Amino acid sequence: MRTQVAIIGAGPAGLALALLLQRAGIESVLVERAAQDHVRARLRAGVLEQGSVALLRELGLGAGIEQRGLEQHAIDFRFGGRSHRLDFHAASGGRSAWVYPQHEVVADLMQA
């Protein structure tokens, strides 16, 4: 088999790259050792930063994040018996993060 690009791993990065290359008309092959059902079901990280959300929206996948995700403007850390709030929305000029499980991102990318 000959191809222009080989992508190793069907995680969110590999799937997004495969989709970007396909839309640009660039041949690629995606190699993943696990079965598709396993890739869809594995539970991993659940927070997307602004850049990742922007890319997924560019790919036409923003609806899932907005419907099933939870936008976060701050995070609370608890240590030393006290609570400490980091308001990254205010500190970054309006950026936010989204709680959206990786298996949902993978499912969205596989369906695209």
N, C-alpha and C. Protein backbone atom coordinates (compact mmCIF):
# COMPACT_ATOMS: atom_id res chain seq x y z
N MET A 1 0.85 -1.18 0.00
CA MET A 1 0.00 0.00 0.00
C MET A 1 0.89 1.24 0.00
N ARG A 2 0.56 2.18 -0.85
CA ARG A 2 1.28 3.47 -0.89
C ARG A 2 0.29 4.58 -0.55
N THR A 3 0.77 5.52 0.23
CA THR A 3 -0.05 6.65 0.62
C THR A 3 0.85 7.85 0.85
N GLN A 4 0.28 9.02 0.89
CA GLN A 4 1.07 10.22 1.14
C GLN A 4 1.40 10.39 2.61
N VAL A 5 0.46 10.03 3.48
CA VAL A 5 0.64 10.24 4.92
C VAL A 5 0.15 9.01 5.68
N ALA A 6 0.95 8.56 6.63
CA ALA A 6 0.53 7.50 7.55
C ALA A 6 0.31 8.13 8.92
N ILE A 7 -0.83 7.85 9.51
CA ILE A 7 -1.18 8.38 10.82
C ILE A 7 -1.25 7.20 11.78
N ILE A 8 -0.49 7.29 12.86
CA ILE A 8 -0.47 6.21 13.84
C ILE A 8 -1.32 6.62 15.04
N GLY A 9 -2.39 5.88 15.27
CA GLY A 9 -3.24 6.12 16.43
C GLY A 9 -4.54 6.81 16.08
N ALA A 10 -5.64 6.20 16.49
CA ALA A 10 -6.98 6.73 16.22
C ALA A 10 -7.55 7.44 17.44
N GLY A 11 -6.70 8.20 18.11
CA GLY A 11 -7.19 9.08 19.17
C GLY A 11 -7.72 10.34 18.53
N PRO A 12 -8.11 11.32 19.32
CA PRO A 12 -8.64 12.56 18.76
C PRO A 12 -7.69 13.26 17.77
N ALA A 13 -6.40 13.29 18.08
CA ALA A 13 -5.45 13.97 17.19
C ALA A 13 -5.34 13.25 15.86
N GLY A 14 -5.20 11.92 15.89
CA GLY A 14 -5.10 11.16 14.66
C GLY A 14 -6.35 11.24 13.81
N LEU A 15 -7.51 11.14 14.45
CA LEU A 15 -8.77 11.24 13.72
C LEU A 15 -8.98 12.63 13.13
N ALA A 16 -8.65 13.67 13.89
CA ALA A 16 -8.79 15.03 13.37
C ALA A 16 -7.85 15.26 12.20
N LEU A 17 -6.62 14.78 12.31
CA LEU A 17 -5.66 14.93 11.21
C LEU A 17 -6.16 14.19 9.96
N ALA A 18 -6.67 12.99 10.13
CA ALA A 18 -7.19 12.23 8.99
C ALA A 18 -8.33 12.99 8.31
N LEU A 19 -9.19 13.60 9.09
CA LEU A 19 -10.31 14.37 8.54
C LEU A 19 -9.81 15.62 7.81
N LEU A 20 -8.87 16.32 8.41
CA LEU A 20 -8.29 17.51 7.76
C LEU A 20 -7.62 17.15 6.44
N LEU A 21 -6.84 16.08 6.44
CA LEU A 21 -6.16 15.65 5.21
C LEU A 21 -7.16 15.22 4.14
N GLN A 22 -8.19 14.49 4.53
CA GLN A 22 -9.22 14.05 3.58
C GLN A 22 -9.87 15.26 2.92
N ARG A 23 -10.22 16.25 3.72
CA ARG A 23 -10.88 17.45 3.18
C ARG A 23 -9.95 18.26 2.29
N ALA A 24 -8.65 18.11 2.50
CA ALA A 24 -7.67 18.81 1.66
C ALA A 24 -7.28 17.98 0.44
N GLY A 25 -7.86 16.80 0.30
CA GLY A 25 -7.58 15.95 -0.85
C GLY A 25 -6.24 15.23 -0.76
N ILE A 26 -5.74 15.04 0.44
CA ILE A 26 -4.45 14.37 0.65
C ILE A 26 -4.71 12.95 1.15
N GLU A 27 -4.13 11.99 0.42
CA GLU A 27 -4.30 10.58 0.79
C GLU A 27 -3.64 10.29 2.12
N SER A 28 -4.34 9.53 2.96
CA SER A 28 -3.73 9.11 4.22
C SER A 28 -4.29 7.75 4.62
N VAL A 29 -3.55 7.09 5.49
CA VAL A 29 -4.02 5.85 6.08
C VAL A 29 -3.86 6.01 7.59
N LEU A 30 -4.88 5.59 8.31
CA LEU A 30 -4.89 5.68 9.77
C LEU A 30 -4.71 4.27 10.34
N VAL A 31 -3.68 4.09 11.15
CA VAL A 31 -3.36 2.78 11.71
C VAL A 31 -3.62 2.81 13.21
N GLU A 32 -4.43 1.87 13.68
CA GLU A 32 -4.75 1.76 15.11
C GLU A 32 -4.75 0.29 15.47
N ARG A 33 -4.05 -0.08 16.53
CA ARG A 33 -3.97 -1.50 16.89
C ARG A 33 -5.24 -2.02 17.57
N ALA A 34 -5.99 -1.16 18.22
CA ALA A 34 -7.21 -1.59 18.92
C ALA A 34 -8.39 -1.62 17.96
N ALA A 35 -9.37 -2.44 18.29
CA ALA A 35 -10.59 -2.53 17.48
C ALA A 35 -11.38 -1.22 17.59
N GLN A 36 -12.16 -0.94 16.58
CA GLN A 36 -12.94 0.30 16.53
C GLN A 36 -13.85 0.44 17.76
N ASP A 37 -14.49 -0.65 18.17
CA ASP A 37 -15.36 -0.59 19.36
C ASP A 37 -14.59 -0.18 20.60
N HIS A 38 -13.37 -0.68 20.73
CA HIS A 38 -12.53 -0.32 21.87
C HIS A 38 -12.15 1.16 21.82
N VAL A 39 -11.79 1.64 20.64
CA VAL A 39 -11.43 3.05 20.47
C VAL A 39 -12.60 3.95 20.85
N ARG A 40 -13.79 3.59 20.43
CA ARG A 40 -14.99 4.39 20.74
C ARG A 40 -15.32 4.38 22.23
N ALA A 41 -15.05 3.27 22.91
CA ALA A 41 -15.50 3.11 24.29
C ALA A 41 -14.47 3.52 25.34
N ARG A 42 -13.20 3.64 24.97
CA ARG A 42 -12.20 3.91 26.02
C ARG A 42 -12.39 5.30 26.61
N LEU A 43 -12.37 5.33 27.92
CA LEU A 43 -12.59 6.57 28.65
C LEU A 43 -11.25 7.21 28.96
N ARG A 44 -11.14 8.47 28.61
CA ARG A 44 -9.89 9.20 28.83
C ARG A 44 -10.24 10.61 29.28
N ALA A 45 -9.37 11.54 28.95
CA ALA A 45 -9.51 12.93 29.38
C ALA A 45 -10.88 13.49 29.03
N GLY A 46 -11.25 14.53 29.75
CA GLY A 46 -12.58 15.09 29.53
C GLY A 46 -12.64 16.59 29.44
N VAL A 47 -11.51 17.27 29.28
CA VAL A 47 -11.52 18.73 29.20
C VAL A 47 -10.86 19.17 27.90
N LEU A 48 -11.55 20.03 27.17
CA LEU A 48 -11.02 20.59 25.92
C LEU A 48 -10.70 22.06 26.13
N GLU A 49 -9.51 22.46 25.73
CA GLU A 49 -9.14 23.87 25.81
C GLU A 49 -9.65 24.58 24.56
N GLN A 50 -9.58 25.90 24.59
CA GLN A 50 -10.14 26.76 23.55
C GLN A 50 -9.65 26.39 22.15
N GLY A 51 -8.36 26.13 21.99
CA GLY A 51 -7.81 25.80 20.67
C GLY A 51 -8.40 24.53 20.09
N SER A 52 -8.57 23.52 20.93
CA SER A 52 -9.17 22.26 20.47
C SER A 52 -10.62 22.46 20.07
N VAL A 53 -11.34 23.23 20.85
CA VAL A 53 -12.75 23.50 20.53
C VAL A 53 -12.85 24.27 19.22
N ALA A 54 -11.96 25.23 19.01
CA ALA A 54 -11.96 26.00 17.76
C ALA A 54 -11.72 25.09 16.56
N LEU A 55 -10.77 24.16 16.67
CA LEU A 55 -10.50 23.24 15.57
C LEU A 55 -11.70 22.34 15.32
N LEU A 56 -12.30 21.81 16.37
CA LEU A 56 -13.46 20.94 16.19
C LEU A 56 -14.64 21.69 15.57
N ARG A 57 -14.81 22.94 15.94
CA ARG A 57 -15.85 23.76 15.30
C ARG A 57 -15.54 23.97 13.82
N GLU A 58 -14.27 24.21 13.51
CA GLU A 58 -13.85 24.37 12.11
C GLU A 58 -14.17 23.13 11.29
N LEU A 59 -14.07 21.98 11.93
CA LEU A 59 -14.36 20.71 11.27
C LEU A 59 -15.86 20.42 11.21
N GLY A 60 -16.67 21.32 11.76
CA GLY A 60 -18.12 21.14 11.75
C GLY A 60 -18.63 20.30 12.90
N LEU A 61 -17.85 20.17 13.96
CA LEU A 61 -18.21 19.31 15.07
C LEU A 61 -18.56 20.08 16.35
N GLY A 62 -18.82 21.35 16.22
CA GLY A 62 -19.12 22.16 17.39
C GLY A 62 -20.46 21.88 18.04
N ALA A 63 -21.42 21.39 17.27
CA ALA A 63 -22.77 21.17 17.82
C ALA A 63 -22.76 20.17 18.97
N GLY A 64 -22.01 19.10 18.83
CA GLY A 64 -21.96 18.10 19.90
C GLY A 64 -21.41 18.67 21.19
N ILE A 65 -20.35 19.46 21.06
CA ILE A 65 -19.74 20.07 22.24
C ILE A 65 -20.74 21.01 22.91
N GLU A 66 -21.40 21.82 22.12
CA GLU A 66 -22.33 22.81 22.67
C GLU A 66 -23.58 22.16 23.26
N GLN A 67 -24.02 21.04 22.68
CA GLN A 67 -25.23 20.37 23.18
C GLN A 67 -24.96 19.49 24.39
N ARG A 68 -23.82 18.77 24.37
CA ARG A 68 -23.56 17.79 25.43
C ARG A 68 -22.41 18.17 26.35
N GLY A 69 -21.67 19.23 26.01
CA GLY A 69 -20.54 19.66 26.83
C GLY A 69 -20.95 20.67 27.88
N LEU A 70 -20.01 20.98 28.74
CA LEU A 70 -20.24 21.94 29.81
C LEU A 70 -19.12 22.98 29.77
N GLU A 71 -19.47 24.22 29.43
CA GLU A 71 -18.47 25.28 29.33
C GLU A 71 -18.02 25.71 30.73
N GLN A 72 -16.72 25.83 30.90
CA GLN A 72 -16.14 26.22 32.18
C GLN A 72 -15.34 27.50 32.02
N HIS A 73 -15.55 28.44 32.94
CA HIS A 73 -14.82 29.71 32.92
C HIS A 73 -13.77 29.78 34.01
N ALA A 74 -13.83 28.87 34.95
CA ALA A 74 -12.90 28.89 36.08
C ALA A 74 -12.76 27.48 36.64
N ILE A 75 -11.78 27.33 37.48
CA ILE A 75 -11.57 26.05 38.16
C ILE A 75 -11.19 26.34 39.61
N ASP A 76 -11.67 25.49 40.50
CA ASP A 76 -11.34 25.62 41.92
C ASP A 76 -10.36 24.53 42.31
N PHE A 77 -9.29 24.93 42.96
CA PHE A 77 -8.32 24.00 43.52
C PHE A 77 -8.49 24.02 45.04
N ARG A 78 -8.40 22.86 45.65
CA ARG A 78 -8.50 22.80 47.10
C ARG A 78 -7.25 22.12 47.65
N PHE A 79 -6.52 22.87 48.45
CA PHE A 79 -5.35 22.31 49.12
C PHE A 79 -5.05 23.15 50.35
N GLY A 80 -4.39 22.55 51.31
CA GLY A 80 -4.07 23.25 52.54
C GLY A 80 -5.30 23.69 53.31
N GLY A 81 -6.41 22.97 53.12
CA GLY A 81 -7.64 23.32 53.83
C GLY A 81 -8.35 24.54 53.28
N ARG A 82 -7.89 25.04 52.13
CA ARG A 82 -8.51 26.24 51.55
C ARG A 82 -8.86 26.00 50.08
N SER A 83 -9.75 26.82 49.59
CA SER A 83 -10.16 26.78 48.19
C SER A 83 -9.51 27.95 47.45
N HIS A 84 -9.00 27.67 46.26
CA HIS A 84 -8.33 28.69 45.44
C HIS A 84 -8.97 28.65 44.05
N ARG A 85 -9.49 29.77 43.61
CA ARG A 85 -10.19 29.84 42.32
C ARG A 85 -9.30 30.47 41.26
N LEU A 86 -9.21 29.81 40.12
CA LEU A 86 -8.49 30.34 38.97
C LEU A 86 -9.53 30.67 37.90
N ASP A 87 -9.75 31.95 37.68
CA ASP A 87 -10.73 32.41 36.69
C ASP A 87 -10.00 32.62 35.37
N PHE A 88 -9.87 31.55 34.58
CA PHE A 88 -9.14 31.67 33.33
C PHE A 88 -9.92 32.43 32.28
N HIS A 89 -11.23 32.54 32.42
CA HIS A 89 -12.04 33.33 31.50
C HIS A 89 -11.63 34.80 31.60
N ALA A 90 -11.53 35.30 32.81
CA ALA A 90 -11.14 36.70 33.03
C ALA A 90 -9.66 36.91 32.72
N ALA A 91 -8.82 35.95 33.10
CA ALA A 91 -7.37 36.10 32.94
C ALA A 91 -6.93 35.99 31.48
N SER A 92 -7.74 35.39 30.63
CA SER A 92 -7.33 35.14 29.24
C SER A 92 -8.12 35.95 28.22
N GLY A 93 -8.88 36.91 28.66
CA GLY A 93 -9.65 37.72 27.72
C GLY A 93 -10.88 37.03 27.18
N GLY A 94 -11.46 36.14 27.96
CA GLY A 94 -12.72 35.53 27.56
C GLY A 94 -12.64 34.09 27.11
N ARG A 95 -11.49 33.48 27.19
CA ARG A 95 -11.39 32.07 26.80
C ARG A 95 -12.02 31.18 27.86
N SER A 96 -12.42 30.02 27.43
CA SER A 96 -13.01 29.06 28.36
C SER A 96 -12.54 27.67 27.99
N ALA A 97 -12.88 26.72 28.81
CA ALA A 97 -12.62 25.31 28.54
C ALA A 97 -13.96 24.59 28.55
N TRP A 98 -13.97 23.42 27.97
CA TRP A 98 -15.21 22.65 27.91
C TRP A 98 -14.97 21.27 28.52
N VAL A 99 -15.88 20.84 29.38
CA VAL A 99 -15.89 19.47 29.86
C VAL A 99 -16.66 18.68 28.81
N TYR A 100 -15.94 17.80 28.12
CA TYR A 100 -16.53 17.01 27.04
C TYR A 100 -15.68 15.75 26.91
N PRO A 101 -16.18 14.60 27.31
CA PRO A 101 -15.37 13.39 27.36
C PRO A 101 -14.74 13.01 26.02
N GLN A 102 -13.53 12.46 26.11
CA GLN A 102 -12.80 12.10 24.90
C GLN A 102 -13.56 11.09 24.06
N HIS A 103 -14.28 10.16 24.68
CA HIS A 103 -15.01 9.18 23.87
C HIS A 103 -16.10 9.87 23.04
N GLU A 104 -16.62 11.00 23.51
CA GLU A 104 -17.58 11.78 22.72
C GLU A 104 -16.88 12.45 21.54
N VAL A 105 -15.69 13.00 21.79
CA VAL A 105 -14.90 13.62 20.71
C VAL A 105 -14.59 12.58 19.64
N VAL A 106 -14.13 11.40 20.08
CA VAL A 106 -13.80 10.33 19.15
C VAL A 106 -15.02 9.92 18.34
N ALA A 107 -16.17 9.76 18.99
CA ALA A 107 -17.40 9.38 18.28
C ALA A 107 -17.77 10.45 17.25
N ASP A 108 -17.66 11.72 17.62
CA ASP A 108 -17.97 12.81 16.68
C ASP A 108 -17.04 12.75 15.47
N LEU A 109 -15.74 12.55 15.72
CA LEU A 109 -14.77 12.50 14.63
C LEU A 109 -14.99 11.28 13.73
N MET A 110 -15.32 10.15 14.32
CA MET A 110 -15.56 8.94 13.52
C MET A 110 -16.80 9.08 12.64
N GLN A 111 -17.78 9.85 13.10
CA GLN A 111 -19.00 10.03 12.33
C GLN A 111 -18.86 11.09 11.24
N ALA A 112 -17.84 11.93 11.35
CA ALA A 112 -17.67 13.04 10.39
C ALA A 112 -17.28 12.53 9.02
